Amino acid sequence: MPPKNIEISATCRGIGKNLYVFVRDEDWEKPVTQEDVDKIIQVFDHSTPRDPKRGIYQIATEAFGEPPDKDKDPKVYILISELGQYHGHHFDGFFRYVDQTEEEYSNRLDSLYLDAHNPSSEYHLGVLAHEFQHLIHWRYDPEEENWVNETLSEVCMILCGYYTDKRHVARYLKNTDRPLVTTAHGGTDYGACLLWGTYLYERLGLGFLGAWVKDTATGIQGFHSSLKALGQGGRFNDYFGDWMAALFLNDPRVYDGLYRFRSVTLPSPPSYQSFSSYPLKKEDSVKGYGIDYLKFNLRMLHTDRLRVTLRADSPEFFVKVMKINKEDPSLTEIQGIHSAKIDLEIDNRRKLYQEVVLGITVLDVTDAPIKYHFTASEVADNEVVKTAIVAGSRLGPGK
């Protein structure tokens, strides 16, 4: 790892069915112990919090495929050592792709690296599951985009019962205008990836995740070809829009559970702007595949009819409209609108909804945030509400 390659001396301290555990000699017994080594072997080979009869190796290989075999040895090498810091970032563990090559500093092994500080903790065992997916992924699709690879590694942790990146989830929910889809290696948000991967696992199943790992097309293209290979309908943007609603609603009573999480608990709802006084006019911005949430309170309306207009600087502007019934969530209505000009009118004279929430994004990777402005005003009693949507195409739940 940065900032330089070094050579160390390490000794094998344990052998399991599917792994060797090496510990840097300087770290043996201070701080790494035999108890740490034995627990890592137990978890990797035999038992996880998710399934006491299956270890990380079995769960991950059944979901994603087999690891590579660079060294002609079926076992994976785990090296525990003090990994240190670089630019203020402390490394908990990593997969080093160079080891799968013939480059000068390659170890030419199927290897993973784990930090020496409390290496058998629940957190570091989750890191081990995370990095093992990276090793498997390298065998099938070494050119995959980083956000996809991290999504699948985060969901590997969940499959093994390690919801140990909850702090990343909490951080993301405080600011969801952090793009899920990125082109930069360093721009990946682990919280977004964990929630996205978990939603896909619950929605599409393990078969889709395994197909996505093995598909050599990258990014969104690989997502589409994996859906096609399994005979699944819909497009990436359909599922992304549904995920936007699930993050906010997370309720099994809405659309028969389409907008909820079962495998993880969300520490909080996503942050949002709330409005209850009209008329209003505001301007904001959102990044591509980031999300803004706007909540409009309908209880304070005098006419029970609200008009919301939105205008954006991108044709890929997208709004997920959630008309929410808190008393009977099964009556909640959800629709998607894909347009740079949106005129939305909510007729609530039947008192079906207490609030309407708009999830806002741009369905494209952007170099800079995209500006949009919106207004909200009551519709006069003598004005006819023409349609629910004046402008914009409709996108329902992905199939």
Protein backbone atom coordinates (compact mmCIF):
# COMPACT_ATOMS: atom_id res chain seq x y z
CA MET A 1 0.00 0.00 0.00
CA PRO A 2 1.07 3.65 -0.26
CA PRO A 3 3.41 5.26 0.15
CA LYS A 4 5.83 2.48 -0.79
CA ASN A 5 6.31 -1.27 -1.10
CA ILE A 6 8.20 -2.95 1.73
CA GLU A 7 9.42 -6.45 2.42
CA ILE A 8 8.49 -8.06 5.76
CA SER A 9 9.02 -11.37 7.53
CA ALA A 10 5.86 -13.30 8.43
CA THR A 11 5.12 -16.77 9.78
CA CYS A 12 2.16 -19.05 9.15
CA ARG A 13 0.26 -19.25 12.46
CA GLY A 14 -2.76 -21.26 11.30
CA ILE A 15 -4.04 -23.42 8.45
CA GLY A 16 -7.70 -23.96 7.65
CA LYS A 17 -9.60 -25.74 4.93
CA ASN A 18 -9.60 -22.67 2.68
CA LEU A 19 -6.88 -20.41 4.04
CA TYR A 20 -3.46 -19.88 5.54
CA VAL A 21 -3.12 -17.19 8.19
CA PHE A 22 0.28 -15.48 8.23
CA VAL A 23 1.22 -12.87 10.82
CA ARG A 24 4.08 -10.42 10.52
CA ASP A 25 6.67 -11.53 13.05
CA GLU A 26 6.85 -8.07 14.64
CA ASP A 27 3.08 -8.22 15.35
CA TRP A 28 2.94 -11.72 16.81
CA GLU A 29 1.52 -11.76 20.36
CA LYS A 30 1.75 -7.98 20.41
CA PRO A 31 -0.97 -7.42 19.34
CA VAL A 32 -1.99 -10.52 17.30
CA THR A 33 -2.68 -13.70 19.30
CA GLN A 34 -3.36 -17.34 18.52
CA GLU A 35 -6.94 -16.72 19.59
CA ASP A 36 -7.26 -14.14 16.80
CA VAL A 37 -5.89 -16.62 14.26
CA ASP A 38 -8.19 -19.42 15.39
CA LYS A 39 -11.27 -17.19 15.24
CA ILE A 40 -10.44 -16.00 11.72
CA ILE A 41 -10.11 -19.61 10.56
CA GLN A 42 -13.39 -20.55 12.25
CA VAL A 43 -15.28 -17.68 10.61
CA PHE A 44 -13.71 -18.02 7.18
CA ASP A 45 -14.20 -21.80 6.99
CA HIS A 46 -17.15 -22.73 9.18
CA SER A 47 -19.46 -20.22 10.81
CA THR A 48 -20.71 -16.63 10.44
CA PRO A 49 -23.30 -14.52 12.28
CA ARG A 50 -25.65 -14.97 9.32
CA ASP A 51 -25.27 -18.76 9.16
CA PRO A 52 -23.61 -20.86 11.89
CA LYS A 53 -23.10 -23.67 9.37
CA ARG A 54 -21.42 -21.65 6.61
CA GLY A 55 -18.24 -19.62 6.70
CA ILE A 56 -17.33 -16.54 4.68
CA TYR A 57 -15.71 -18.69 2.01
CA GLN A 58 -18.80 -20.80 1.32
CA ILE A 59 -21.27 -17.89 1.47
CA ALA A 60 -19.20 -15.70 -0.86
CA THR A 61 -18.31 -18.40 -3.40
CA GLU A 62 -21.92 -19.62 -3.60
CA ALA A 63 -23.07 -16.05 -4.22
CA PHE A 64 -20.32 -14.68 -6.47
CA GLY A 65 -18.15 -17.51 -7.79
CA GLU A 66 -14.75 -19.01 -7.11
CA PRO A 67 -11.61 -16.98 -6.33
CA PRO A 68 -8.70 -16.95 -8.78
CA ASP A 69 -5.87 -19.47 -8.47
CA LYS A 70 -2.76 -17.49 -9.28
CA ASP A 71 -0.47 -19.67 -7.15
CA LYS A 72 -1.95 -23.10 -8.07
CA ASP A 73 -2.95 -23.58 -4.43
CA PRO A 74 -6.69 -23.63 -3.57
CA LYS A 75 -6.14 -21.88 -0.24
CA VAL A 76 -6.24 -18.11 0.19
CA TYR A 77 -3.35 -16.40 1.98
CA ILE A 78 -4.35 -13.98 4.77
CA LEU A 79 -1.53 -11.72 5.90
CA ILE A 80 -2.02 -9.84 9.17
CA SER A 81 0.30 -6.91 9.79
CA GLU A 82 0.36 -3.30 10.88
CA LEU A 83 -0.97 -1.49 7.81
CA GLY A 84 -0.51 2.06 9.07
CA GLN A 85 -1.92 5.28 7.66
CA TYR A 86 -1.60 7.29 4.50
CA HIS A 87 -2.84 10.89 4.14
CA GLY A 88 -4.77 10.50 7.39
CA HIS A 89 -6.55 7.31 6.30
CA HIS A 90 -6.03 4.16 8.37
CA PHE A 91 -6.16 0.92 6.37
CA ASP A 92 -8.26 -1.88 7.88
CA GLY A 93 -7.60 -4.35 5.10
CA PHE A 94 -7.31 -4.60 1.34
CA PHE A 95 -7.07 -6.78 -1.74
CA ARG A 96 -3.93 -5.98 -3.71
CA TYR A 97 -4.52 -6.65 -7.41
CA VAL A 98 -0.76 -6.51 -8.10
CA ASP A 99 -0.47 -9.95 -6.46
CA GLN A 100 -2.44 -11.37 -9.40
CA THR A 101 0.17 -10.11 -11.86
CA GLU A 102 3.82 -10.69 -12.66
CA GLU A 103 4.80 -7.14 -11.76
CA GLU A 104 7.96 -6.44 -9.77
CA TYR A 105 6.31 -6.16 -6.36
CA SER A 106 3.76 -8.91 -6.84
CA ASN A 107 3.60 -11.69 -4.24
CA ARG A 108 2.08 -13.90 -6.96
CA LEU A 109 -0.44 -15.25 -4.46
CA ASP A 110 -4.21 -15.28 -3.94
CA SER A 111 -3.88 -13.06 -0.91
CA LEU A 112 -5.75 -10.64 1.33
CA TYR A 113 -4.37 -8.23 3.92
CA LEU A 114 -5.78 -7.44 7.36
CA ASP A 115 -4.68 -4.90 9.94
CA ALA A 116 -3.02 -6.24 13.11
CA HIS A 117 -5.10 -4.22 15.58
CA ASN A 118 -7.87 -6.50 16.85
CA PRO A 119 -8.00 -8.49 13.59
CA SER A 120 -10.66 -10.94 14.81
CA SER A 121 -13.16 -8.25 15.84
CA GLU A 122 -16.58 -8.24 14.18
CA TYR A 123 -15.52 -5.16 12.23
CA HIS A 124 -12.35 -6.72 10.82
CA LEU A 125 -14.14 -9.99 10.01
CA GLY A 126 -16.55 -7.88 7.99
CA VAL A 127 -13.54 -6.33 6.26
CA LEU A 128 -12.31 -9.84 5.45
CA ALA A 129 -15.63 -10.69 3.80
CA HIS A 130 -15.53 -7.39 1.91
CA GLU A 131 -12.02 -7.94 0.57
CA PHE A 132 -12.72 -11.57 -0.34
CA GLN A 133 -15.41 -10.41 -2.77
CA HIS A 134 -12.81 -8.13 -4.39
CA LEU A 135 -10.54 -11.14 -4.87
CA ILE A 136 -13.35 -13.17 -6.45
CA HIS A 137 -14.40 -10.24 -8.64
CA TRP A 138 -10.88 -9.89 -10.00
CA ARG A 139 -11.08 -13.38 -11.50
CA TYR A 140 -14.17 -12.58 -13.58
CA ASP A 141 -14.11 -8.85 -14.27
CA PRO A 142 -10.86 -7.08 -13.37
CA GLU A 143 -11.85 -3.90 -15.22
CA GLU A 144 -15.10 -3.33 -13.32
CA GLU A 145 -15.92 0.20 -12.19
CA ASN A 146 -15.11 0.85 -8.56
CA TRP A 147 -18.64 1.72 -7.39
CA VAL A 148 -19.93 -1.62 -8.69
CA ASN A 149 -17.11 -3.57 -7.06
CA GLU A 150 -17.62 -1.79 -3.74
CA THR A 151 -21.39 -2.35 -3.92
CA LEU A 152 -20.86 -6.10 -4.21
CA SER A 153 -18.24 -6.16 -1.45
CA GLU A 154 -20.55 -4.27 0.90
CA VAL A 155 -23.39 -6.69 0.22
CA CYS A 156 -20.99 -9.61 0.79
CA MET A 157 -20.57 -8.30 4.33
CA ILE A 158 -24.35 -8.27 4.78
CA LEU A 159 -24.66 -11.82 3.39
CA CYS A 160 -22.21 -12.96 6.06
CA GLY A 161 -24.01 -11.08 8.83
CA TYR A 162 -21.57 -8.18 9.25
CA TYR A 163 -23.51 -4.91 9.25
CA THR A 164 -20.35 -3.27 10.51
CA ASP A 165 -20.33 -0.33 8.09
CA LYS A 166 -23.38 1.24 9.72
CA ARG A 167 -21.38 4.41 10.37
CA HIS A 168 -20.99 4.83 6.60
CA VAL A 169 -24.74 4.35 6.21
CA ALA A 170 -25.46 6.97 8.87
CA ARG A 171 -23.06 9.39 7.19
CA TYR A 172 -24.68 8.85 3.80
CA LEU A 173 -28.24 9.33 5.12
CA LYS A 174 -27.20 12.70 6.54
CA ASN A 175 -26.22 13.78 3.02
CA THR A 176 -27.65 11.68 0.20
CA ASP A 177 -26.38 14.13 -2.41
CA ARG A 178 -23.30 11.90 -2.67
CA PRO A 179 -23.31 10.09 -6.03
CA LEU A 180 -23.78 6.33 -6.10
CA VAL A 181 -22.44 6.07 -9.65
CA THR A 182 -18.98 7.59 -10.03
CA THR A 183 -16.09 7.48 -12.45
CA ALA A 184 -13.43 8.43 -9.89
CA HIS A 185 -11.89 5.67 -7.77
CA GLY A 186 -11.76 7.81 -4.65
CA GLY A 187 -15.31 9.15 -4.93
CA THR A 188 -17.13 5.96 -3.93
CA ASP A 189 -19.53 6.28 -0.98
CA TYR A 190 -19.56 3.05 1.05
CA GLY A 191 -22.87 3.88 2.73
CA ALA A 192 -24.62 4.37 -0.61
CA CYS A 193 -23.03 1.18 -1.97
CA LEU A 194 -24.13 -0.87 1.05
CA LEU A 195 -27.73 0.30 0.83
CA TRP A 196 -27.86 -0.06 -2.95
CA GLY A 197 -26.35 -3.55 -2.91
CA THR A 198 -28.65 -4.67 -0.10
CA TYR A 199 -31.72 -3.38 -1.94
CA LEU A 200 -30.71 -5.22 -5.12
CA TYR A 201 -30.05 -8.43 -3.18
CA GLU A 202 -33.49 -8.28 -1.59
CA ARG A 203 -35.19 -7.27 -4.83
CA LEU A 204 -33.40 -9.40 -7.42
CA GLY A 205 -31.77 -12.18 -5.41
CA LEU A 206 -28.34 -13.83 -5.24
CA GLY A 207 -28.57 -15.01 -8.83
CA PHE A 208 -28.46 -11.45 -10.08
CA LEU A 209 -25.51 -10.53 -7.86
CA GLY A 210 -23.51 -13.51 -9.11
CA ALA A 211 -24.35 -12.68 -12.72
CA TRP A 212 -23.25 -9.08 -12.19
CA VAL A 213 -19.87 -10.20 -10.83
CA LYS A 214 -19.29 -12.49 -13.80
CA ASP A 215 -20.50 -10.08 -16.49
CA THR A 216 -17.50 -8.48 -18.17
CA ALA A 217 -19.39 -5.36 -19.23
CA THR A 218 -18.72 -2.57 -16.78
CA GLY A 219 -20.86 -0.17 -14.79
CA ILE A 220 -24.49 0.35 -15.75
CA GLN A 221 -23.98 -1.59 -18.98
CA GLY A 222 -23.03 -4.66 -16.94
CA PHE A 223 -26.12 -4.15 -14.79
CA HIS A 224 -28.33 -4.21 -17.88
CA SER A 225 -26.69 -7.24 -19.46
CA SER A 226 -26.95 -9.13 -16.14
CA LEU A 227 -30.68 -8.37 -15.98
CA LYS A 228 -31.07 -9.55 -19.55
CA ALA A 229 -29.15 -12.77 -18.92
CA LEU A 230 -31.56 -13.64 -16.12
CA GLY A 231 -34.65 -12.65 -18.07
CA GLN A 232 -35.37 -9.72 -15.74
CA GLY A 233 -37.09 -6.60 -17.00
CA GLY A 234 -36.50 -2.96 -16.18
CA ARG A 235 -33.52 -0.65 -16.50
CA PHE A 236 -30.93 0.65 -14.07
CA ASN A 237 -32.72 3.97 -13.70
CA ASP A 238 -36.00 2.22 -12.83
CA TYR A 239 -34.36 0.42 -9.93
CA PHE A 240 -32.47 3.52 -8.88
CA GLY A 241 -35.75 5.45 -8.67
CA ASP A 242 -37.33 2.70 -6.58
CA TRP A 243 -34.29 2.70 -4.30
CA MET A 244 -34.70 6.46 -3.80
CA ALA A 245 -38.23 5.82 -2.52
CA ALA A 246 -37.13 2.88 -0.36
CA LEU A 247 -34.53 5.02 1.40
CA PHE A 248 -37.20 7.48 2.46
CA LEU A 249 -40.19 5.20 3.04
CA ASN A 250 -38.64 1.90 4.22
CA ASP A 251 -42.12 0.55 4.99
CA PRO A 252 -43.32 -3.03 4.29
CA ARG A 253 -46.91 -1.78 3.97
CA VAL A 254 -46.19 0.31 0.87
CA TYR A 255 -46.62 -1.49 -2.47
CA ASP A 256 -46.39 -4.91 -0.80
CA GLY A 257 -42.91 -4.24 0.55
CA LEU A 258 -41.32 -2.98 -2.67
CA TYR A 259 -39.93 0.04 -0.85
CA ARG A 260 -38.26 -1.40 2.24
CA PHE A 261 -35.07 -3.00 3.62
CA ARG A 262 -35.25 -6.35 5.35
CA SER A 263 -31.57 -7.25 5.92
CA VAL A 264 -30.48 -3.99 7.56
CA THR A 265 -31.97 -1.36 9.83
CA LEU A 266 -31.55 2.26 8.81
CA PRO A 267 -30.20 4.39 11.68
CA SER A 268 -32.31 7.36 10.54
CA PRO A 269 -34.39 8.57 7.60
CA PRO A 270 -32.45 10.49 4.96
CA SER A 271 -32.10 14.23 5.48
CA TYR A 272 -34.67 16.39 3.71
CA GLN A 273 -35.92 19.95 3.35
CA SER A 274 -39.39 20.47 4.79
CA PHE A 275 -41.99 23.06 3.75
CA SER A 276 -45.38 23.94 5.23
CA SER A 277 -45.94 27.58 4.22
CA TYR A 278 -46.90 28.57 0.67
CA PRO A 279 -46.24 30.13 -1.77
CA LEU A 280 -42.50 29.50 -1.93
CA LYS A 281 -39.75 29.73 -4.50
CA LYS A 282 -36.30 28.21 -4.10
CA GLU A 283 -33.20 27.19 -6.04
CA ASP A 284 -30.90 24.27 -5.31
CA SER A 285 -28.60 21.77 -7.01
CA VAL A 286 -28.07 18.02 -7.08
CA LYS A 287 -25.25 15.83 -8.34
CA GLY A 288 -25.74 13.08 -10.89
CA TYR A 289 -27.01 9.97 -9.04
CA GLY A 290 -27.02 11.95 -5.81
CA ILE A 291 -30.40 12.56 -4.15
CA ASP A 292 -32.21 15.56 -2.66
CA TYR A 293 -35.47 15.09 -0.75
CA LEU A 294 -38.14 17.81 -0.51
CA LYS A 295 -41.13 17.30 1.80
CA PHE A 296 -44.29 19.38 1.43
CA ASN A 297 -46.77 19.36 4.32
CA LEU A 298 -50.36 19.13 3.04
CA ARG A 299 -52.09 19.57 6.40
CA MET A 300 -51.74 23.37 6.33
CA LEU A 301 -53.38 23.84 2.92
CA HIS A 302 -56.54 25.96 2.82
CA THR A 303 -57.77 24.55 -0.50
CA ASP A 304 -56.27 21.04 -0.14
CA ARG A 305 -54.65 21.45 -3.55
CA LEU A 306 -50.96 22.13 -4.13
CA ARG A 307 -49.08 22.93 -7.31
CA VAL A 308 -45.35 22.25 -7.47
CA THR A 309 -43.25 23.24 -10.49
CA LEU A 310 -39.65 22.18 -11.07
CA ARG A 311 -37.20 23.33 -13.73
CA ALA A 312 -33.71 21.92 -14.17
CA ASP A 313 -30.63 22.49 -16.31
CA SER A 314 -30.49 18.86 -17.47
CA PRO A 315 -32.81 16.68 -19.59
CA GLU A 316 -31.89 13.79 -17.28
CA PHE A 317 -33.60 15.45 -14.32
CA PHE A 318 -35.75 12.90 -12.47
CA VAL A 319 -38.25 13.18 -9.62
CA LYS A 320 -39.71 10.33 -7.59
CA VAL A 321 -43.07 11.53 -6.26
CA MET A 322 -44.30 9.98 -3.00
CA LYS A 323 -47.80 10.96 -1.89
CA ILE A 324 -47.75 9.61 1.64
CA ASN A 325 -50.63 8.36 3.78
CA LYS A 326 -49.15 7.89 7.24
CA GLU A 327 -52.35 6.45 8.73
CA ASP A 328 -52.71 3.76 6.06
CA PRO A 329 -49.39 3.40 4.19
CA SER A 330 -50.99 0.98 1.71
CA LEU A 331 -52.71 4.06 0.21
CA THR A 332 -49.40 5.80 -0.45
CA GLU A 333 -48.93 6.57 -4.16
CA ILE A 334 -45.57 6.62 -5.94
CA GLN A 335 -44.61 7.64 -9.46
CA GLY A 336 -41.53 8.78 -11.34
CA ILE A 337 -41.20 11.74 -13.69
CA HIS A 338 -38.25 12.11 -16.07
CA SER A 339 -38.17 15.63 -17.50
CA ALA A 340 -36.40 18.97 -17.18
CA LYS A 341 -39.81 20.69 -16.83
CA ILE A 342 -42.26 19.28 -14.32
CA ASP A 343 -45.65 20.65 -13.30
CA LEU A 344 -47.15 18.57 -10.52
CA GLU A 345 -50.58 19.16 -9.03
CA ILE A 346 -51.74 17.32 -5.90
CA ASP A 347 -55.47 17.19 -5.22
CA ASN A 348 -55.93 16.25 -1.58
CA ARG A 349 -59.60 17.16 -1.07
CA ARG A 350 -60.28 13.54 -0.10
CA LYS A 351 -57.65 13.89 2.66
CA LEU A 352 -55.75 10.82 1.46
CA TYR A 353 -52.29 12.25 2.06
CA GLN A 354 -50.58 14.13 4.84
CA GLU A 355 -47.47 15.01 2.87
CA VAL A 356 -45.84 14.69 -0.51
CA VAL A 357 -42.12 13.96 -0.77
CA LEU A 358 -40.06 14.50 -3.89
CA GLY A 359 -36.85 12.53 -4.36
CA ILE A 360 -34.73 14.48 -6.84
CA THR A 361 -31.75 13.35 -8.89
CA VAL A 362 -30.10 13.52 -12.30
CA LEU A 363 -29.93 10.19 -14.11
CA ASP A 364 -26.43 10.73 -15.45
CA VAL A 365 -22.91 11.12 -14.12
CA THR A 366 -22.14 14.84 -13.85
CA ASP A 367 -18.91 16.76 -13.43
CA ALA A 368 -20.65 19.39 -11.31
CA PRO A 369 -23.96 19.71 -9.47
CA ILE A 370 -26.99 20.44 -11.67
CA LYS A 371 -29.02 23.50 -10.73
CA TYR A 372 -32.78 23.32 -10.39
CA HIS A 373 -35.43 25.65 -9.05
CA PHE A 374 -38.90 24.94 -7.77
CA THR A 375 -42.05 26.70 -6.65
CA ALA A 376 -44.99 25.55 -4.54
CA SER A 377 -48.35 27.31 -4.24
CA GLU A 378 -51.92 26.54 -3.37
CA VAL A 379 -54.43 26.08 -6.18
CA ALA A 380 -57.36 28.47 -5.91
CA ASP A 381 -60.80 27.05 -5.13
CA ASN A 382 -62.21 28.14 -8.48
CA GLU A 383 -59.30 26.71 -10.51
CA VAL A 384 -59.75 23.33 -12.18
CA VAL A 385 -57.07 20.74 -11.54
CA LYS A 386 -56.46 19.43 -15.04
CA THR A 387 -54.15 16.46 -14.59
CA ALA A 388 -51.87 14.93 -12.00
CA ILE A 389 -48.88 15.58 -14.25
CA VAL A 390 -48.78 18.29 -16.89
CA ALA A 391 -45.27 17.65 -18.18
CA GLY A 392 -42.94 14.70 -17.97
CA SER A 393 -42.94 11.01 -18.75
CA ARG A 394 -44.02 8.54 -16.08
CA LEU A 395 -41.91 5.73 -14.75
CA GLY A 396 -43.47 3.21 -12.42
CA PRO A 397 -41.69 0.66 -10.24
CA GLY A 398 -38.97 -1.32 -12.02
CA LYS A 399 -39.96 -4.88 -12.89
